[in-house]
Amino acid sequence: MANIEIYTWQSCPFCLRAKALLEKKGLAYVEHRIDGDQTARAAMSKRAEGRTTVPQIFINGQSIGGCDELYALDQSHKLDNLLSA
């Protein structure tokens, strides 16, 4: 099973939408809530190649971007391939 990590803010609508897709697909994930934690946000940004927006999603250590990128991968049927790799 793929290792999925998602950096979120509790009330972020894009974070909620991304988590909903993962849950709909029955995927387990580790959530890193970084609300108001600038140190955690800086660490996320470094890991996400400079991106500072949430959510930031990683699959098997690879940054895939945020909510829009997650949905685009799913719609193009590339998400399942990435999860099974």
PDB file of N, CA and C in Angstrom:
ATOM      1  N   MET A   1       0.842  -1.192   0.000  1.00  0.00           N
ATOM      2  CA  MET A   1       0.000   0.000   0.000  1.00  0.00           C
ATOM      3  C   MET A   1       0.880   1.245   0.000  1.00  0.00           C
ATOM      4  N   ALA A   2       0.450   2.251  -0.712  1.00  0.00           N
ATOM      5  CA  ALA A   2       1.198   3.495  -0.841  1.00  0.00           C
ATOM      6  C   ALA A   2       1.225   4.260   0.473  1.00  0.00           C
ATOM      7  N   ASN A   3       2.307   4.983   0.680  1.00  0.00           N
ATOM      8  CA  ASN A   3       2.437   5.866   1.829  1.00  0.00           C
ATOM      9  C   ASN A   3       1.979   7.253   1.390  1.00  0.00           C
ATOM     10  N   ILE A   4       0.863   7.712   1.950  1.00  0.00           N
ATOM     11  CA  ILE A   4       0.288   8.999   1.561  1.00  0.00           C
ATOM     12  C   ILE A   4       0.373   9.938   2.756  1.00  0.00           C
ATOM     13  N   GLU A   5       0.920  11.126   2.513  1.00  0.00           N
ATOM     14  CA  GLU A   5       0.985  12.164   3.533  1.00  0.00           C
ATOM     15  C   GLU A   5       0.337  13.416   2.972  1.00  0.00           C
ATOM     16  N   ILE A   6      -0.373  14.127   3.846  1.00  0.00           N
ATOM     17  CA  ILE A   6      -1.030  15.359   3.427  1.00  0.00           C
ATOM     18  C   ILE A   6      -0.862  16.408   4.516  1.00  0.00           C
ATOM     19  N   TYR A   7      -0.355  17.556   4.124  1.00  0.00           N
ATOM     20  CA  TYR A   7      -0.201  18.693   5.027  1.00  0.00           C
ATOM     21  C   TYR A   7      -1.445  19.551   4.891  1.00  0.00           C
ATOM     22  N   THR A   8      -2.071  19.884   6.026  1.00  0.00           N
ATOM     23  CA  THR A   8      -3.365  20.566   5.989  1.00  0.00           C
ATOM     24  C   THR A   8      -3.472  21.676   7.028  1.00  0.00           C
ATOM     25  N   TRP A   9      -4.492  22.493   6.825  1.00  0.00           N
ATOM     26  CA  TRP A   9      -5.035  23.362   7.853  1.00  0.00           C
ATOM     27  C   TRP A   9      -6.429  22.824   8.124  1.00  0.00           C
ATOM     28  N   GLN A  10      -6.851  22.884   9.360  1.00  0.00           N
ATOM     29  CA  GLN A  10      -8.116  22.283   9.777  1.00  0.00           C
ATOM     30  C   GLN A  10      -9.319  22.794   9.001  1.00  0.00           C
ATOM     31  N   SER A  11      -9.383  24.097   8.727  1.00  0.00           N
ATOM     32  CA  SER A  11     -10.583  24.651   8.089  1.00  0.00           C
ATOM     33  C   SER A  11     -10.396  24.958   6.603  1.00  0.00           C
ATOM     34  N   CYS A  12      -9.341  24.483   5.993  1.00  0.00           N
ATOM     35  CA  CYS A  12      -9.074  24.739   4.581  1.00  0.00           C
ATOM     36  C   CYS A  12     -10.020  23.906   3.703  1.00  0.00           C
ATOM     37  N   PRO A  13     -10.836  24.550   2.860  1.00  0.00           N
ATOM     38  CA  PRO A  13     -11.771  23.780   2.027  1.00  0.00           C
ATOM     39  C   PRO A  13     -11.070  22.862   1.019  1.00  0.00           C
ATOM     40  N   PHE A  14      -9.917  23.271   0.515  1.00  0.00           N
ATOM     41  CA  PHE A  14      -9.183  22.421  -0.424  1.00  0.00           C
ATOM     42  C   PHE A  14      -8.613  21.192   0.284  1.00  0.00           C
ATOM     43  N   CYS A  15      -8.192  21.374   1.534  1.00  0.00           N
ATOM     44  CA  CYS A  15      -7.702  20.249   2.339  1.00  0.00           C
ATOM     45  C   CYS A  15      -8.832  19.252   2.583  1.00  0.00           C
ATOM     46  N   LEU A  16      -9.994  19.765   2.935  1.00  0.00           N
ATOM     47  CA  LEU A  16     -11.147  18.901   3.191  1.00  0.00           C
ATOM     48  C   LEU A  16     -11.537  18.147   1.927  1.00  0.00           C
ATOM     49  N   ARG A  17     -11.490  18.814   0.797  1.00  0.00           N
ATOM     50  CA  ARG A  17     -11.846  18.183  -0.485  1.00  0.00           C
ATOM     51  C   ARG A  17     -10.840  17.094  -0.863  1.00  0.00           C
ATOM     52  N   ALA A  18      -9.555  17.363  -0.657  1.00  0.00           N
ATOM     53  CA  ALA A  18      -8.518  16.367  -0.969  1.00  0.00           C
ATOM     54  C   ALA A  18      -8.673  15.145  -0.064  1.00  0.00           C
ATOM     55  N   LYS A  19      -8.889  15.381   1.218  1.00  0.00           N
ATOM     56  CA  LYS A  19      -9.061  14.259   2.149  1.00  0.00           C
ATOM     57  C   LYS A  19     -10.315  13.457   1.799  1.00  0.00           C
ATOM     58  N   ALA A  20     -11.360  14.143   1.353  1.00  0.00           N
ATOM     59  CA  ALA A  20     -12.598  13.445   0.977  1.00  0.00           C
ATOM     60  C   ALA A  20     -12.354  12.492  -0.190  1.00  0.00           C
ATOM     61  N   LEU A  21     -11.556  12.915  -1.167  1.00  0.00           N
ATOM     62  CA  LEU A  21     -11.254  12.028  -2.297  1.00  0.00           C
ATOM     63  C   LEU A  21     -10.451  10.815  -1.826  1.00  0.00           C
ATOM     64  N   LEU A  22      -9.455  11.046  -0.994  1.00  0.00           N
ATOM     65  CA  LEU A  22      -8.659   9.924  -0.480  1.00  0.00           C
ATOM     66  C   LEU A  22      -9.542   8.952   0.291  1.00  0.00           C
ATOM     67  N   GLU A  23     -10.437   9.485   1.112  1.00  0.00           N
ATOM     68  CA  GLU A  23     -11.331   8.635   1.898  1.00  0.00           C
ATOM     69  C   GLU A  23     -12.324   7.899   1.003  1.00  0.00           C
ATOM     70  N   LYS A  24     -12.828   8.569  -0.019  1.00  0.00           N
ATOM     71  CA  LYS A  24     -13.761   7.941  -0.960  1.00  0.00           C
ATOM     72  C   LYS A  24     -13.112   6.741  -1.645  1.00  0.00           C
ATOM     73  N   LYS A  25     -11.816   6.868  -1.913  1.00  0.00           N
ATOM     74  CA  LYS A  25     -11.083   5.785  -2.555  1.00  0.00           C
ATOM     75  C   LYS A  25     -10.606   4.739  -1.543  1.00  0.00           C
ATOM     76  N   GLY A  26     -10.934   4.943  -0.262  1.00  0.00           N
ATOM     77  CA  GLY A  26     -10.563   3.982   0.774  1.00  0.00           C
ATOM     78  C   GLY A  26      -9.079   3.971   1.089  1.00  0.00           C
ATOM     79  N   LEU A  27      -8.419   5.113   0.904  1.00  0.00           N
ATOM     80  CA  LEU A  27      -6.984   5.198   1.108  1.00  0.00           C
ATOM     81  C   LEU A  27      -6.642   5.737   2.483  1.00  0.00           C
ATOM     82  N   ALA A  28      -5.716   5.078   3.136  1.00  0.00           N
ATOM     83  CA  ALA A  28      -5.219   5.559   4.422  1.00  0.00           C
ATOM     84  C   ALA A  28      -4.156   6.622   4.160  1.00  0.00           C
ATOM     85  N   TYR A  29      -4.098   7.625   5.026  1.00  0.00           N
ATOM     86  CA  TYR A  29      -3.103   8.679   4.873  1.00  0.00           C
ATOM     87  C   TYR A  29      -2.699   9.207   6.243  1.00  0.00           C
ATOM     88  N   VAL A  30      -1.533   9.819   6.274  1.00  0.00           N
ATOM     89  CA  VAL A  30      -1.047  10.490   7.477  1.00  0.00           C
ATOM     90  C   VAL A  30      -1.275  11.978   7.263  1.00  0.00           C
ATOM     91  N   GLU A  31      -1.978  12.597   8.194  1.00  0.00           N
ATOM     92  CA  GLU A  31      -2.268  14.022   8.093  1.00  0.00           C
ATOM     93  C   GLU A  31      -1.342  14.796   9.019  1.00  0.00           C
ATOM     94  N   HIS A  32      -0.721  15.836   8.464  1.00  0.00           N
ATOM     95  CA  HIS A  32       0.118  16.741   9.247  1.00  0.00           C
ATOM     96  C   HIS A  32      -0.622  18.078   9.299  1.00  0.00           C
ATOM     97  N   ARG A  33      -1.241  18.378  10.429  1.00  0.00           N
ATOM     98  CA  ARG A  33      -1.931  19.666  10.571  1.00  0.00           C
ATOM     99  C   ARG A  33      -0.912  20.718  10.968  1.00  0.00           C
ATOM    100  N   ILE A  34      -0.820  21.757  10.167  1.00  0.00           N
ATOM    101  CA  ILE A  34       0.196  22.770  10.412  1.00  0.00           C
ATOM    102  C   ILE A  34      -0.411  24.136  10.737  1.00  0.00           C
ATOM    103  N   ASP A  35      -1.650  24.166  11.181  1.00  0.00           N
ATOM    104  CA  ASP A  35      -2.327  25.423  11.516  1.00  0.00           C
ATOM    105  C   ASP A  35      -1.454  26.280  12.437  1.00  0.00           C
ATOM    106  N   GLY A  36      -1.074  27.450  11.963  1.00  0.00           N
ATOM    107  CA  GLY A  36      -0.353  28.402  12.796  1.00  0.00           C
ATOM    108  C   GLY A  36       1.064  28.002  13.189  1.00  0.00           C
ATOM    109  N   ASP A  37       1.559  26.898  12.699  1.00  0.00           N
ATOM    110  CA  ASP A  37       2.905  26.416  13.057  1.00  0.00           C
ATOM    111  C   ASP A  37       3.860  26.770  11.918  1.00  0.00           C
ATOM    112  N   GLN A  38       4.534  27.912  12.051  1.00  0.00           N
ATOM    113  CA  GLN A  38       5.402  28.393  10.976  1.00  0.00           C
ATOM    114  C   GLN A  38       6.601  27.482  10.742  1.00  0.00           C
ATOM    115  N   THR A  39       7.085  26.834  11.792  1.00  0.00           N
ATOM    116  CA  THR A  39       8.204  25.901  11.638  1.00  0.00           C
ATOM    117  C   THR A  39       7.786  24.711  10.794  1.00  0.00           C
ATOM    118  N   ALA A  40       6.601  24.159  11.075  1.00  0.00           N
ATOM    119  CA  ALA A  40       6.092  23.025  10.299  1.00  0.00           C
ATOM    120  C   ALA A  40       5.787  23.458   8.869  1.00  0.00           C
ATOM    121  N   ARG A  41       5.285  24.657   8.704  1.00  0.00           N
ATOM    122  CA  ARG A  41       4.983  25.145   7.351  1.00  0.00           C
ATOM    123  C   ARG A  41       6.264  25.313   6.539  1.00  0.00           C
ATOM    124  N   ALA A  42       7.317  25.808   7.177  1.00  0.00           N
ATOM    125  CA  ALA A  42       8.605  25.958   6.493  1.00  0.00           C
ATOM    126  C   ALA A  42       9.162  24.597   6.094  1.00  0.00           C
ATOM    127  N   ALA A  43       9.023  23.606   6.972  1.00  0.00           N
ATOM    128  CA  ALA A  43       9.492  22.248   6.661  1.00  0.00           C
ATOM    129  C   ALA A  43       8.695  21.670   5.500  1.00  0.00           C
ATOM    130  N   MET A  44       7.381  21.897   5.497  1.00  0.00           N
ATOM    131  CA  MET A  44       6.538  21.431   4.400  1.00  0.00           C
ATOM    132  C   MET A  44       6.973  22.089   3.101  1.00  0.00           C
ATOM    133  N   SER A  45       7.193  23.392   3.132  1.00  0.00           N
ATOM    134  CA  SER A  45       7.578  24.142   1.945  1.00  0.00           C
ATOM    135  C   SER A  45       8.905  23.640   1.376  1.00  0.00           C
ATOM    136  N   LYS A  46       9.836  23.364   2.244  1.00  0.00           N
ATOM    137  CA  LYS A  46      11.123  22.836   1.795  1.00  0.00           C
ATOM    138  C   LYS A  46      10.923  21.491   1.101  1.00  0.00           C
ATOM    139  N   ARG A  47      10.113  20.665   1.704  1.00  0.00           N
ATOM    140  CA  ARG A  47       9.841  19.339   1.146  1.00  0.00           C
ATOM    141  C   ARG A  47       9.057  19.433  -0.157  1.00  0.00           C
ATOM    142  N   ALA A  48       8.216  20.457  -0.286  1.00  0.00           N
ATOM    143  CA  ALA A  48       7.335  20.627  -1.446  1.00  0.00           C
ATOM    144  C   ALA A  48       7.943  21.547  -2.502  1.00  0.00           C
ATOM    145  N   GLU A  49       9.267  21.604  -2.535  1.00  0.00           N
ATOM    146  CA  GLU A  49       9.982  22.372  -3.564  1.00  0.00           C
ATOM    147  C   GLU A  49       9.568  23.841  -3.589  1.00  0.00           C
ATOM    148  N   GLY A  50       9.365  24.420  -2.405  1.00  0.00           N
ATOM    149  CA  GLY A  50       9.072  25.837  -2.287  1.00  0.00           C
ATOM    150  C   GLY A  50       7.605  26.212  -2.239  1.00  0.00           C
ATOM    151  N   ARG A  51       6.724  25.267  -2.502  1.00  0.00           N
ATOM    152  CA  ARG A  51       5.289  25.597  -2.457  1.00  0.00           C
ATOM    153  C   ARG A  51       4.866  25.813  -1.001  1.00  0.00           C
ATOM    154  N   THR A  52       4.008  26.793  -0.781  1.00  0.00           N
ATOM    155  CA  THR A  52       3.587  27.133   0.578  1.00  0.00           C
ATOM    156  C   THR A  52       2.095  26.949   0.817  1.00  0.00           C
ATOM    157  N   THR A  53       1.346  26.611  -0.225  1.00  0.00           N
ATOM    158  CA  THR A  53      -0.098  26.455  -0.070  1.00  0.00           C
ATOM    159  C   THR A  53      -0.435  25.070   0.479  1.00  0.00           C
ATOM    160  N   VAL A  54      -1.587  24.986   1.098  1.00  0.00           N
ATOM    161  CA  VAL A  54      -2.093  23.694   1.570  1.00  0.00           C
ATOM    162  C   VAL A  54      -3.346  23.356   0.793  1.00  0.00           C
ATOM    163  N   PRO A  55      -3.610  22.083   0.587  1.00  0.00           N
ATOM    164  CA  PRO A  55      -2.801  20.970   1.055  1.00  0.00           C
ATOM    165  C   PRO A  55      -1.575  20.755   0.170  1.00  0.00           C
ATOM    166  N   GLN A  56      -0.596  20.098   0.746  1.00  0.00           N
ATOM    167  CA  GLN A  56       0.524  19.556  -0.016  1.00  0.00           C
ATOM    168  C   GLN A  56       0.467  18.055   0.208  1.00  0.00           C
ATOM    169  N   ILE A  57       0.481  17.312  -0.879  1.00  0.00           N
ATOM    170  CA  ILE A  57       0.264  15.865  -0.812  1.00  0.00           C
ATOM    171  C   ILE A  57       1.503  15.147  -1.348  1.00  0.00           C
ATOM    172  N   PHE A  58       1.899  14.104  -0.632  1.00  0.00           N
ATOM    173  CA  PHE A  58       3.049  13.289  -1.009  1.00  0.00           C
ATOM    174  C   PHE A  58       2.607  11.837  -1.080  1.00  0.00           C
ATOM    175  N   ILE A  59       2.986  11.174  -2.150  1.00  0.00           N
ATOM    176  CA  ILE A  59       2.706   9.748  -2.306  1.00  0.00           C
ATOM    177  C   ILE A  59       4.046   9.044  -2.464  1.00  0.00           C
ATOM    178  N   ASN A  60       4.314   8.148  -1.528  1.00  0.00           N
ATOM    179  CA  ASN A  60       5.595   7.439  -1.493  1.00  0.00           C
ATOM    180  C   ASN A  60       6.772   8.415  -1.546  1.00  0.00           C
ATOM    181  N   GLY A  61       6.637   9.515  -0.798  1.00  0.00           N
ATOM    182  CA  GLY A  61       7.694  10.510  -0.706  1.00  0.00           C
ATOM    183  C   GLY A  61       7.764  11.490  -1.854  1.00  0.00           C
ATOM    184  N   GLN A  62       6.967  11.287  -2.891  1.00  0.00           N
ATOM    185  CA  GLN A  62       6.969  12.156  -4.066  1.00  0.00           C
ATOM    186  C   GLN A  62       5.890  13.220  -3.927  1.00  0.00           C
ATOM    187  N   SER A  63       6.278  14.465  -4.105  1.00  0.00           N
ATOM    188  CA  SER A  63       5.310  15.559  -4.060  1.00  0.00           C
ATOM    189  C   SER A  63       4.447  15.519  -5.306  1.00  0.00           C
ATOM    190  N   ILE A  64       3.133  15.512  -5.106  1.00  0.00           N
ATOM    191  CA  ILE A  64       2.236  15.561  -6.266  1.00  0.00           C
ATOM    192  C   ILE A  64       1.513  16.903  -6.357  1.00  0.00           C
ATOM    193  N   GLY A  65       1.707  17.774  -5.369  1.00  0.00           N
ATOM    194  CA  GLY A  65       1.058  19.078  -5.376  1.00  0.00           C
ATOM    195  C   GLY A  65      -0.096  19.118  -4.401  1.00  0.00           C
ATOM    196  N   GLY A  66      -1.149  19.837  -4.792  1.00  0.00           N
ATOM    197  CA  GLY A  66      -2.279  20.046  -3.907  1.00  0.00           C
ATOM    198  C   GLY A  66      -3.547  19.361  -4.375  1.00  0.00           C
ATOM    199  N   CYS A  67      -4.663  19.931  -3.970  1.00  0.00           N
ATOM    200  CA  CYS A  67      -5.978  19.355  -4.244  1.00  0.00           C
ATOM    201  C   CYS A  67      -6.257  19.250  -5.742  1.00  0.00           C
ATOM    202  N   ASP A  68      -6.009  20.323  -6.484  1.00  0.00           N
ATOM    203  CA  ASP A  68      -6.294  20.298  -7.919  1.00  0.00           C
ATOM    204  C   ASP A  68      -5.478  19.226  -8.629  1.00  0.00           C
ATOM    205  N   GLU A  69      -4.215  19.099  -8.248  1.00  0.00           N
ATOM    206  CA  GLU A  69      -3.351  18.089  -8.866  1.00  0.00           C
ATOM    207  C   GLU A  69      -3.814  16.681  -8.509  1.00  0.00           C
ATOM    208  N   LEU A  70      -4.269  16.497  -7.268  1.00  0.00           N
ATOM    209  CA  LEU A  70      -4.778  15.193  -6.843  1.00  0.00           C
ATOM    210  C   LEU A  70      -5.993  14.796  -7.684  1.00  0.00           C
ATOM    211  N   TYR A  71      -6.926  15.718  -7.840  1.00  0.00           N
ATOM    212  CA  TYR A  71      -8.126  15.432  -8.637  1.00  0.00           C
ATOM    213  C   TYR A  71      -7.775  15.210 -10.110  1.00  0.00           C
ATOM    214  N   ALA A  72      -6.817  15.979 -10.637  1.00  0.00           N
ATOM    215  CA  ALA A  72      -6.404  15.800 -12.031  1.00  0.00           C
ATOM    216  C   ALA A  72      -5.790  14.415 -12.240  1.00  0.00           C
ATOM    217  N   LEU A  73      -4.974  13.975 -11.279  1.00  0.00           N
ATOM    218  CA  LEU A  73      -4.404  12.629 -11.369  1.00  0.00           C
ATOM    219  C   LEU A  73      -5.503  11.572 -11.349  1.00  0.00           C
ATOM    220  N   ASP A  74      -6.499  11.785 -10.501  1.00  0.00           N
ATOM    221  CA  ASP A  74      -7.589  10.817 -10.414  1.00  0.00           C
ATOM    222  C   ASP A  74      -8.398  10.785 -11.708  1.00  0.00           C
ATOM    223  N   GLN A  75      -8.718  11.945 -12.237  1.00  0.00           N
ATOM    224  CA  GLN A  75      -9.532  12.014 -13.455  1.00  0.00           C
ATOM    225  C   GLN A  75      -8.812  11.445 -14.670  1.00  0.00           C
ATOM    226  N   SER A  76      -7.485  11.519 -14.675  1.00  0.00           N
ATOM    227  CA  SER A  76      -6.719  10.987 -15.805  1.00  0.00           C
ATOM    228  C   SER A  76      -6.324   9.522 -15.576  1.00  0.00           C
ATOM    229  N   HIS A  77      -6.816   8.952 -14.485  1.00  0.00           N
ATOM    230  CA  HIS A  77      -6.554   7.558 -14.114  1.00  0.00           C
ATOM    231  C   HIS A  77      -5.083   7.285 -13.807  1.00  0.00           C
ATOM    232  N   LYS A  78      -4.332   8.327 -13.545  1.00  0.00           N
ATOM    233  CA  LYS A  78      -2.918   8.162 -13.201  1.00  0.00           C
ATOM    234  C   LYS A  78      -2.718   7.979 -11.698  1.00  0.00           C
ATOM    235  N   LEU A  79      -3.706   8.369 -10.899  1.00  0.00           N
ATOM    236  CA  LEU A  79      -3.573   8.243  -9.457  1.00  0.00           C
ATOM    237  C   LEU A  79      -3.471   6.775  -9.047  1.00  0.00           C
ATOM    238  N   ASP A  80      -4.319   5.935  -9.591  1.00  0.00           N
ATOM    239  CA  ASP A  80      -4.273   4.512  -9.249  1.00  0.00           C
ATOM    240  C   ASP A  80      -2.931   3.892  -9.607  1.00  0.00           C
ATOM    241  N   ASN A  81      -2.374   4.289 -10.756  1.00  0.00           N
ATOM    242  CA  ASN A  81      -1.065   3.778 -11.153  1.00  0.00           C
ATOM    243  C   ASN A  81       0.016   4.228 -10.175  1.00  0.00           C
ATOM    244  N   LEU A  82      -0.062   5.490  -9.760  1.00  0.00           N
ATOM    245  CA  LEU A  82       0.917   6.027  -8.814  1.00  0.00           C
ATOM    246  C   LEU A  82       0.813   5.308  -7.468  1.00  0.00           C
ATOM    247  N   LEU A  83      -0.407   5.006  -7.059  1.00  0.00           N
ATOM    248  CA  LEU A  83      -0.614   4.327  -5.768  1.00  0.00           C
ATOM    249  C   LEU A  83      -0.136   2.900  -5.784  1.00  0.00           C
ATOM    250  N   SER A  84      -0.186   2.261  -6.937  1.00  0.00           N
ATOM    251  CA  SER A  84       0.214   0.857  -7.010  1.00  0.00           C
ATOM    252  C   SER A  84       1.700   0.675  -7.298  1.00  0.00           C
ATOM    253  N   ALA A  85       2.381   1.777  -7.605  1.00  0.00           N
ATOM    254  CA  ALA A  85       3.827   1.683  -7.928  1.00  0.00           C
ATOM    255  C   ALA A  85       4.657   1.391  -6.685  1.00  0.00           C
TER     256      ALA A  85
END
